Amino acid sequence: MSGPSFKQSEALLARALRTIPLGTQTFSKSKTQYPHGVSPYYISRGKGARVWDVDGNEYADFINSLAAVTLGYCDPDVDRAVADMMRNGVVFSLPHPIEIEVAEELVKLIPSAEMVRFGKNGSDATAGAIRVARAFTGRDHVAICGYHGWQDWYVGATLRNKGVPGATRALTHVFRYNDIDSLHSILSAHPGEFAAVILEPMNIEQPRAGFLGEVKELAHRHGALLVFDEVVTGFRLHIGGAQSLFGVMPDLSAFGKGMANGYPVSAVVGRADVMREMEEVFFSFTFGGETLSLAAALATLQKLQREPVIDQLRRTGERVISIVRGLVAQFGLDGCCSVSGHPAWSFLSLRDVGDISMWGLKTLLLQEMFAKGVLTLGTHNISYAHGDEDLERLRRGYEAGFARMREAIDGRPLRELLQCEPIQPLFRVR
């Protein structure tokens, strides 16, 4: 077996590891996620739905910068807005009016948004929302469901809690999605102590009928605020976020990722009486009003209203789900593969088969997908730029990967099929 060369990527990784822990700034882009010897590690450029690695290999990208890119790389409308703003400046000694323009646009689009504050990452927005909820309620405990970023208040409740004080970890409690009883048990165990219930309104699963409304009612009954983490779902599932799609209004929400088609900006939005706590709560960034990202956000939000972006993300995603499910059935992999999620953000989930771990199967699948020019980590983060050729490339990649998985399940030793060592069990965020 042979595949594309990753010589330059591997050389850059070795160089990076001398000065950068994990070789990059983002866990989900690091060597922990990509099997060495069959994976690209560095991308040099992107255009539309395609990216090129430093060795010149081309990929149809279904990661899209961890769902941050919704329109496509180098979208001309966004690039033009950023270039125009760049001629005026990036940061100033006083706010630029574009802060007001983008805030007003968010208030117009998001049903629960009455006031807005900006950050740079999704973690800024979720952490800001929790701090505001604690200030507003005078309470400390938080119930969580989903992935909410890297900061202590959340990550202390995960397996990646090294460095987080025990006192902080004790304030965060995990409940299960679509299981209202698990939330009831947590809130009842600490009566009068919860500031907030925060969850991703949807990730791998659809909310069962009435679930999100039940979460809101239960949170309010216990005196807690409801916070939606819409860092991914916002401007991807619906222009007004999952709260518009499902008709449940939170008290606070966190937005980010696709809000500016890859430029670093996020937002905390919510009820005016709660958001006014930000006049006292310290939530302040030198680059919080950085103009290039806000120009990108304004251009992105305007394009989402002007063109059928959200509808196309859904339609394209429905085709992707149909392709993958069809191939799962064709190769008889129903016992170890399933597809779930919203069409604009769907997931391929793998399970162990006998003595073959899901990590071995995932390594085999990635090996073949990368060789066929498809960049994926098991999710399908759809962009407006994805077209027929990208979906055909995805189909060919899955055909190759599923064929190898079928061989392994049928008894061919994994070591004969792999050109690398299997990736190891990883921190799973959902």
Protein backbone atom coordinates (compact mmCIF):
# COMPACT_ATOMS: atom_id res chain seq x y z
CA MET A 1 0.00 0.00 0.00
CA SER A 2 1.12 3.54 -0.69
CA GLY A 3 -0.38 6.94 -0.25
CA PRO A 4 0.42 10.62 -0.39
CA SER A 5 3.62 11.98 1.10
CA PHE A 6 3.51 13.91 4.36
CA LYS A 7 7.24 14.55 4.57
CA GLN A 8 6.99 18.33 5.03
CA SER A 9 4.17 18.03 7.55
CA GLU A 10 6.13 15.57 9.65
CA ALA A 11 9.27 17.71 9.48
CA LEU A 12 7.31 20.76 10.62
CA LEU A 13 5.74 18.76 13.45
CA ALA A 14 9.15 17.67 14.69
CA ARG A 15 10.32 21.28 14.53
CA ALA A 16 7.21 22.60 16.27
CA LEU A 17 7.44 20.13 19.14
CA ARG A 18 10.73 21.73 20.19
CA THR A 19 8.97 25.02 21.01
CA ILE A 20 5.19 24.36 21.13
CA PRO A 21 3.58 21.77 23.43
CA LEU A 22 1.64 19.33 21.18
CA GLY A 23 2.98 21.27 18.19
CA THR A 24 -0.02 23.58 17.85
CA GLN A 25 -2.42 25.81 19.78
CA THR A 26 -5.58 23.70 19.56
CA PHE A 27 -6.00 20.23 21.05
CA SER A 28 -8.34 19.08 18.28
CA LYS A 29 -5.78 20.07 15.61
CA SER A 30 -2.87 18.30 17.32
CA LYS A 31 -0.96 15.08 16.76
CA THR A 32 -3.21 13.37 19.33
CA GLN A 33 -5.99 13.33 16.74
CA TYR A 34 -4.03 12.36 13.63
CA PRO A 35 -2.17 9.01 13.23
CA HIS A 36 1.49 9.60 12.48
CA GLY A 37 2.69 8.46 9.07
CA VAL A 38 -0.65 8.74 7.24
CA SER A 39 -1.79 12.22 8.24
CA PRO A 40 -1.22 15.82 7.25
CA TYR A 41 -0.28 18.10 10.16
CA TYR A 42 -0.07 21.56 8.60
CA ILE A 43 -2.26 23.33 6.05
CA SER A 44 -0.80 26.04 3.85
CA ARG A 45 -3.96 27.52 2.29
CA GLY A 46 -7.67 27.10 1.70
CA LYS A 47 -10.23 28.18 -0.87
CA GLY A 48 -13.93 27.41 -0.82
CA ALA A 49 -14.37 23.87 0.46
CA ARG A 50 -10.78 22.79 -0.33
CA VAL A 51 -7.51 23.02 1.60
CA TRP A 52 -3.93 22.19 0.66
CA ASP A 53 -1.36 20.85 3.11
CA VAL A 54 2.30 21.87 3.15
CA ASP A 55 3.18 18.87 0.98
CA GLY A 56 0.78 20.05 -1.72
CA ASN A 57 -1.92 17.42 -1.08
CA GLU A 58 -5.45 18.69 -1.75
CA TYR A 59 -8.47 17.84 0.41
CA ALA A 60 -12.20 18.38 0.46
CA ASP A 61 -12.45 19.74 3.99
CA PHE A 62 -15.30 18.48 6.17
CA ILE A 63 -13.73 19.76 9.39
CA ASN A 64 -13.87 23.40 8.32
CA SER A 65 -11.69 24.67 11.14
CA LEU A 66 -13.74 22.84 13.79
CA ALA A 67 -17.03 24.22 12.36
CA ALA A 68 -15.80 27.83 12.40
CA VAL A 69 -16.03 28.17 8.61
CA THR A 70 -19.62 28.23 7.35
CA LEU A 71 -19.34 30.11 4.06
CA GLY A 72 -16.07 28.60 2.83
CA TYR A 73 -12.43 29.60 3.00
CA CYS A 74 -11.58 33.04 1.62
CA ASP A 75 -15.20 33.99 1.05
CA PRO A 76 -14.99 37.05 -1.22
CA ASP A 77 -17.61 39.10 0.63
CA VAL A 78 -15.96 38.55 4.00
CA ASP A 79 -12.46 39.14 2.62
CA ARG A 80 -13.59 42.40 1.01
CA ALA A 81 -15.11 43.67 4.25
CA VAL A 82 -11.94 42.83 6.18
CA ALA A 83 -9.69 44.48 3.57
CA ASP A 84 -11.82 47.64 3.64
CA MET A 85 -11.64 47.81 7.43
CA MET A 86 -7.90 47.12 7.45
CA ARG A 87 -7.32 50.44 5.68
CA ASN A 88 -8.76 52.22 8.75
CA GLY A 89 -7.05 50.22 11.48
CA VAL A 90 -7.38 47.13 13.62
CA VAL A 91 -7.60 48.31 17.25
CA PHE A 92 -7.87 51.82 18.65
CA SER A 93 -7.73 53.72 21.92
CA LEU A 94 -11.53 54.04 21.93
CA PRO A 95 -14.27 51.77 20.55
CA HIS A 96 -15.03 51.71 16.83
CA PRO A 97 -18.68 52.11 15.73
CA ILE A 98 -18.64 48.63 14.21
CA GLU A 99 -19.07 47.23 17.75
CA ILE A 100 -22.53 48.82 17.79
CA GLU A 101 -23.39 47.66 14.27
CA VAL A 102 -22.61 44.00 14.99
CA ALA A 103 -24.34 44.10 18.38
CA GLU A 104 -27.48 45.52 16.76
CA GLU A 105 -27.36 42.83 14.08
CA LEU A 106 -27.17 40.08 16.72
CA VAL A 107 -30.07 41.58 18.67
CA LYS A 108 -32.09 41.61 15.46
CA LEU A 109 -31.33 37.98 14.58
CA ILE A 110 -31.26 36.15 17.94
CA PRO A 111 -34.63 35.98 19.71
CA SER A 112 -33.25 36.02 23.27
CA ALA A 113 -30.64 38.74 22.64
CA GLU A 114 -31.37 42.13 24.17
CA MET A 115 -27.77 43.10 24.89
CA VAL A 116 -24.39 41.86 23.64
CA ARG A 117 -20.75 41.67 24.73
CA PHE A 118 -17.91 40.39 22.54
CA GLY A 119 -15.02 38.01 23.21
CA LYS A 120 -12.57 36.23 20.94
CA ASN A 121 -13.16 32.49 21.56
CA GLY A 122 -16.17 30.40 22.40
CA SER A 123 -14.57 29.72 25.78
CA ASP A 124 -14.63 33.47 26.49
CA ALA A 125 -18.35 33.56 25.82
CA THR A 126 -19.31 30.51 27.87
CA ALA A 127 -17.10 31.55 30.79
CA GLY A 128 -18.51 35.08 30.62
CA ALA A 129 -22.07 33.77 30.66
CA ILE A 130 -21.36 31.64 33.73
CA ARG A 131 -19.69 34.52 35.58
CA VAL A 132 -22.65 36.76 34.83
CA ALA A 133 -25.11 34.06 35.94
CA ARG A 134 -23.22 33.68 39.21
CA ALA A 135 -23.24 37.43 39.74
CA PHE A 136 -26.95 37.75 38.96
CA THR A 137 -28.06 34.85 41.19
CA GLY A 138 -25.45 35.12 43.94
CA ARG A 139 -24.86 31.37 43.62
CA ASP A 140 -21.87 29.24 42.64
CA HIS A 141 -22.91 25.80 41.33
CA VAL A 142 -23.36 25.05 37.61
CA ALA A 143 -24.98 22.11 35.78
CA ILE A 144 -23.42 21.30 32.40
CA CYS A 145 -24.22 19.18 29.36
CA GLY A 146 -21.96 19.16 26.29
CA TYR A 147 -18.63 20.79 25.52
CA HIS A 148 -18.11 24.33 26.79
CA GLY A 149 -14.43 25.19 26.29
CA TRP A 150 -11.11 25.08 28.12
CA GLN A 151 -11.61 27.22 31.22
CA ASP A 152 -11.53 25.89 34.79
CA TRP A 153 -15.26 26.13 35.58
CA TYR A 154 -16.05 23.60 32.81
CA VAL A 155 -12.98 21.50 32.04
CA GLY A 156 -12.59 20.61 35.72
CA ALA A 157 -15.55 18.28 35.26
CA THR A 158 -13.83 16.37 32.42
CA LEU A 159 -10.94 13.93 32.25
CA ARG A 160 -8.71 16.86 31.19
CA ASN A 161 -8.88 18.44 34.65
CA LYS A 162 -5.18 18.51 35.47
CA GLY A 163 -4.31 21.89 36.98
CA VAL A 164 -7.89 22.72 38.00
CA PRO A 165 -8.36 23.20 41.78
CA GLY A 166 -10.58 20.68 43.51
CA ALA A 167 -12.73 23.48 44.93
CA THR A 168 -13.53 24.62 41.40
CA ARG A 169 -14.26 21.10 40.17
CA ALA A 170 -16.73 20.59 43.03
CA LEU A 171 -18.95 23.41 41.71
CA THR A 172 -19.63 21.83 38.32
CA HIS A 173 -22.06 18.94 37.83
CA VAL A 174 -22.70 16.93 34.64
CA PHE A 175 -26.18 15.89 33.52
CA ARG A 176 -27.16 13.74 30.55
CA TYR A 177 -28.72 15.07 27.38
CA ASN A 178 -32.37 14.13 26.85
CA ASP A 179 -32.51 12.87 30.46
CA ILE A 180 -34.43 15.41 32.52
CA ASP A 181 -34.29 13.15 35.58
CA SER A 182 -30.49 13.40 35.66
CA LEU A 183 -30.78 17.20 35.84
CA HIS A 184 -33.51 16.99 38.46
CA SER A 185 -31.28 14.80 40.65
CA ILE A 186 -28.39 17.26 40.47
CA LEU A 187 -30.46 20.34 41.22
CA SER A 188 -32.32 18.63 44.04
CA ALA A 189 -29.06 17.54 45.68
CA HIS A 190 -27.97 21.19 46.06
CA PRO A 191 -31.16 23.19 46.62
CA GLY A 192 -30.77 26.92 46.25
CA GLU A 193 -27.12 26.64 45.14
CA PHE A 194 -27.27 26.61 41.32
CA ALA A 195 -26.51 29.74 39.32
CA ALA A 196 -26.94 28.24 35.88
CA VAL A 197 -27.84 25.26 33.77
CA ILE A 198 -25.78 25.36 30.58
CA LEU A 199 -26.05 23.00 27.64
CA GLU A 200 -25.52 22.71 23.93
CA PRO A 201 -29.15 22.74 22.74
CA MET A 202 -28.15 20.06 20.22
CA ASN A 203 -25.02 18.14 19.30
CA ILE A 204 -25.00 14.42 18.48
CA GLU A 205 -28.67 13.87 19.36
CA GLN A 206 -31.85 15.69 18.45
CA PRO A 207 -33.64 16.98 21.54
CA ARG A 208 -36.63 14.79 22.30
CA ALA A 209 -39.99 16.55 22.17
CA GLY A 210 -40.27 18.97 25.07
CA PHE A 211 -36.80 18.34 26.53
CA LEU A 212 -35.37 21.85 26.15
CA GLY A 213 -38.53 23.38 27.55
CA GLU A 214 -38.35 21.02 30.51
CA VAL A 215 -34.75 22.06 31.15
CA LYS A 216 -35.79 25.71 31.18
CA GLU A 217 -38.72 25.10 33.50
CA LEU A 218 -36.64 23.03 35.90
CA ALA A 219 -33.77 25.53 35.93
CA HIS A 220 -36.12 28.41 36.69
CA ARG A 221 -37.97 26.41 39.33
CA HIS A 222 -34.64 26.04 41.15
CA GLY A 223 -33.77 29.72 40.70
CA ALA A 224 -31.05 29.09 38.10
CA LEU A 225 -30.58 30.80 34.74
CA LEU A 226 -30.75 28.81 31.51
CA VAL A 227 -27.69 29.27 29.29
CA PHE A 228 -27.47 27.90 25.75
CA ASP A 229 -24.00 27.21 24.38
CA GLU A 230 -24.61 28.04 20.73
CA VAL A 231 -20.95 28.38 19.81
CA VAL A 232 -21.44 25.69 17.13
CA THR A 233 -25.20 25.65 16.58
CA GLY A 234 -25.49 29.41 16.10
CA PHE A 235 -25.55 30.50 12.43
CA ARG A 236 -25.28 26.85 11.36
CA LEU A 237 -28.54 25.14 12.37
CA HIS A 238 -30.60 28.33 12.07
CA ILE A 239 -29.75 31.98 11.56
CA GLY A 240 -31.19 32.71 15.00
CA GLY A 241 -29.51 29.70 16.58
CA ALA A 242 -30.93 26.45 17.86
CA GLN A 243 -33.16 28.52 20.16
CA SER A 244 -35.02 29.68 17.04
CA LEU A 245 -35.07 26.19 15.55
CA PHE A 246 -36.53 24.61 18.69
CA GLY A 247 -38.49 27.57 20.04
CA VAL A 248 -36.98 27.73 23.54
CA MET A 249 -35.53 31.04 24.72
CA PRO A 250 -32.61 30.92 27.21
CA ASP A 251 -31.70 33.70 29.59
CA LEU A 252 -28.14 33.90 28.23
CA SER A 253 -26.41 32.43 25.17
CA ALA A 254 -22.86 32.05 23.93
CA PHE A 255 -22.12 32.39 20.22
CA GLY A 256 -18.87 32.10 18.24
CA LYS A 257 -17.28 29.92 15.54
CA GLY A 258 -19.23 30.51 12.31
CA MET A 259 -20.35 33.97 13.40
CA ALA A 260 -17.48 35.50 11.38
CA ASN A 261 -16.58 32.66 8.98
CA GLY A 262 -13.37 31.81 10.83
CA TYR A 263 -12.33 35.19 12.19
CA PRO A 264 -11.83 35.20 15.98
CA VAL A 265 -14.89 36.72 17.62
CA SER A 266 -17.55 35.44 20.02
CA ALA A 267 -20.47 36.93 21.88
CA VAL A 268 -22.45 36.65 25.09
CA VAL A 269 -26.05 37.70 24.50
CA GLY A 270 -29.16 37.67 26.63
CA ARG A 271 -31.76 39.40 28.76
CA ALA A 272 -30.97 43.04 29.41
CA ASP A 273 -31.45 42.79 33.18
CA VAL A 274 -28.96 39.92 33.35
CA MET A 275 -26.51 41.37 30.82
CA ARG A 276 -26.29 44.65 32.77
CA GLU A 277 -24.30 42.69 35.35
CA MET A 278 -21.47 43.17 32.83
CA GLU A 279 -21.24 46.76 34.01
CA GLU A 280 -19.76 45.35 37.23
CA VAL A 281 -18.59 41.84 36.29
CA PHE A 282 -15.08 42.00 34.83
CA PHE A 283 -15.30 40.76 31.25
CA SER A 284 -12.77 42.83 29.37
CA PHE A 285 -10.35 42.22 26.47
CA THR A 286 -7.82 44.49 24.78
CA PHE A 287 -8.87 42.86 21.52
CA GLY A 288 -12.56 42.43 22.32
CA GLY A 289 -13.47 45.21 19.89
CA GLU A 290 -10.86 44.33 17.26
CA THR A 291 -12.31 45.65 14.04
CA LEU A 292 -11.25 43.09 11.41
CA SER A 293 -13.12 40.23 13.08
CA LEU A 294 -16.16 42.42 13.66
CA ALA A 295 -16.12 43.47 10.01
CA ALA A 296 -15.99 39.78 9.09
CA ALA A 297 -18.88 39.09 11.45
CA LEU A 298 -21.02 41.85 9.95
CA ALA A 299 -20.31 40.64 6.40
CA THR A 300 -21.07 37.05 7.40
CA LEU A 301 -24.34 37.91 9.14
CA GLN A 302 -25.44 40.01 6.17
CA LYS A 303 -24.67 37.20 3.74
CA LEU A 304 -26.58 34.72 5.88
CA GLN A 305 -29.63 36.96 5.47
CA ARG A 306 -29.05 37.78 1.81
CA GLU A 307 -28.41 34.26 0.48
CA PRO A 308 -29.89 30.80 1.26
CA VAL A 309 -26.85 29.72 3.27
CA ILE A 310 -28.65 27.95 6.12
CA ASP A 311 -30.99 26.07 3.77
CA GLN A 312 -28.07 24.95 1.62
CA LEU A 313 -26.08 23.76 4.63
CA ARG A 314 -29.07 21.60 5.59
CA ARG A 315 -29.64 20.25 2.07
CA THR A 316 -25.96 19.45 1.52
CA GLY A 317 -25.78 17.83 4.95
CA GLU A 318 -28.82 15.69 4.21
CA ARG A 319 -27.04 14.38 1.11
CA VAL A 320 -23.93 13.64 3.18
CA ILE A 321 -25.93 11.69 5.75
CA SER A 322 -27.64 9.74 2.98
CA ILE A 323 -24.30 8.89 1.35
CA VAL A 324 -22.70 7.72 4.59
CA ARG A 325 -25.68 5.74 5.80
CA GLY A 326 -25.97 4.07 2.41
CA LEU A 327 -22.33 3.01 2.51
CA VAL A 328 -22.62 1.80 6.10
CA ALA A 329 -25.43 -0.49 4.95
CA GLN A 330 -23.59 -1.52 1.78
CA PHE A 331 -20.56 -2.70 3.73
CA GLY A 332 -22.60 -4.25 6.54
CA LEU A 333 -21.15 -1.96 9.19
CA ASP A 334 -24.35 -1.15 11.06
CA GLY A 335 -22.98 -2.94 14.11
CA CYS A 336 -20.07 -0.52 14.52
CA CYS A 337 -21.06 2.68 12.68
CA SER A 338 -23.91 5.12 13.08
CA VAL A 339 -24.65 8.62 11.81
CA SER A 340 -26.42 11.22 13.93
CA GLY A 341 -26.76 14.95 14.49
CA HIS A 342 -28.15 17.82 12.46
CA PRO A 343 -27.47 17.75 8.70
CA ALA A 344 -25.29 20.87 8.98
CA TRP A 345 -23.23 19.24 11.77
CA SER A 346 -23.42 15.46 11.71
CA PHE A 347 -21.32 12.76 13.35
CA LEU A 348 -20.06 9.31 12.39
CA SER A 349 -19.83 7.32 15.63
CA LEU A 350 -17.75 4.14 15.86
CA ARG A 351 -17.95 1.27 18.34
CA ASP A 352 -15.66 -1.63 19.25
CA VAL A 353 -16.15 -4.84 17.29
CA GLY A 354 -15.01 -7.92 19.21
CA ASP A 355 -11.36 -7.36 20.08
CA ILE A 356 -10.98 -4.53 17.54
CA SER A 357 -11.23 -1.21 19.32
CA MET A 358 -13.02 1.78 17.85
CA TRP A 359 -9.67 3.59 17.91
CA GLY A 360 -8.14 1.01 15.60
CA LEU A 361 -11.12 1.28 13.27
CA LYS A 362 -10.97 5.07 13.36
CA THR A 363 -7.26 5.04 12.53
CA LEU A 364 -7.93 2.77 9.56
CA LEU A 365 -10.75 4.98 8.35
CA LEU A 366 -8.70 8.18 8.65
CA GLN A 367 -5.77 6.57 6.86
CA GLU A 368 -7.93 5.83 3.82
CA MET A 369 -9.89 9.08 3.91
CA PHE A 370 -6.75 11.21 3.98
CA ALA A 371 -5.29 9.15 1.12
CA LYS A 372 -8.42 9.86 -0.94
CA GLY A 373 -8.17 13.59 -0.30
CA VAL A 374 -10.83 14.00 2.39
CA LEU A 375 -10.13 15.89 5.61
CA THR A 376 -12.36 14.66 8.43
CA LEU A 377 -12.18 13.58 12.05
CA GLY A 378 -15.55 11.86 12.14
CA THR A 379 -17.80 14.90 11.82
CA HIS A 380 -19.29 16.54 8.75
CA ASN A 381 -19.15 20.30 9.30
CA ILE A 382 -20.84 21.56 6.16
CA SER A 383 -19.99 24.85 4.48
CA TYR A 384 -21.82 26.88 1.86
CA ALA A 385 -18.94 26.15 -0.52
CA HIS A 386 -19.36 22.35 -0.55
CA GLY A 387 -20.47 21.10 -3.95
CA ASP A 388 -21.05 17.91 -5.90
CA GLU A 389 -17.35 17.19 -6.41
CA ASP A 390 -16.67 17.46 -2.69
CA LEU A 391 -19.49 15.05 -1.89
CA GLU A 392 -18.26 12.62 -4.54
CA ARG A 393 -14.78 12.76 -3.02
CA LEU A 394 -16.32 12.11 0.40
CA ARG A 395 -18.17 9.10 -1.00
CA ARG A 396 -14.96 7.64 -2.48
CA GLY A 397 -13.14 8.23 0.81
CA TYR A 398 -15.76 6.39 2.82
CA GLU A 399 -15.86 3.57 0.29
CA ALA A 400 -12.12 3.05 0.71
CA GLY A 401 -12.23 3.39 4.50
CA PHE A 402 -15.27 1.16 4.98
CA ALA A 403 -13.78 -1.50 2.70
CA ARG A 404 -10.69 -1.67 4.91
CA MET A 405 -12.80 -1.73 8.06
CA ARG A 406 -14.80 -4.60 6.59
CA GLU A 407 -11.55 -6.53 5.96
CA ALA A 408 -10.48 -6.02 9.58
CA ILE A 409 -13.85 -7.14 10.94
CA ASP A 410 -13.78 -10.18 8.66
CA GLY A 411 -10.50 -11.29 10.21
CA ARG A 412 -7.60 -9.67 8.40
CA PRO A 413 -5.14 -8.48 11.07
CA LEU A 414 -5.28 -4.76 11.67
CA ARG A 415 -1.48 -4.56 11.56
CA GLU A 416 -1.58 -5.71 7.91
CA LEU A 417 -4.04 -2.98 6.99
CA LEU A 418 -2.53 -0.08 8.90
CA GLN A 419 0.49 1.89 7.72
CA CYS A 420 0.85 3.47 11.16
CA GLU A 421 0.27 2.88 14.85
CA PRO A 422 -3.35 3.20 15.99
CA ILE A 423 -4.28 6.42 17.72
CA GLN A 424 -4.83 6.11 21.45
CA PRO A 425 -8.04 6.77 23.42
CA LEU A 426 -8.53 10.50 23.52
CA PHE A 427 -10.34 13.16 25.50
CA ARG A 428 -13.84 13.04 24.05
CA VAL A 429 -15.79 16.27 24.30
CA ARG A 430 -19.20 14.82 23.44
